[in-house]
Amino acid sequence: MHIYTYSEARQKFAAVLEQAENTGKVLIRRKDGRVFALVPEKTAVSPLDVPSIKADITTEELVNIIREGRERRDHDMNRGF
């Protein structure tokens, strides 16, 4: 983990932020000896937050595809696969 002086951190702020993001933590030491930790904020991301796609398919066609997949799955489960 890298420790920057306060002056270095001010001069290289973008690099300090980048390093904090890459390593998870950067320390900054002031002249009086106090040390501060710069830690990236964790953003809560839902696993359901996925980008949409453009599909040339109707709702009815999509529902039919899902039903066919479920029927095939149920058929395979009944056969012991």
Foldseek 3Di string as FASTA:
>chain_A
DEEAEPVRCVVPVVVQVVVLVVVQWYWYAYPVGDIDIDGDDDDDDDPPPDDDDDDPDDPVRVVVVVVVVVVVVVVVVVVPD
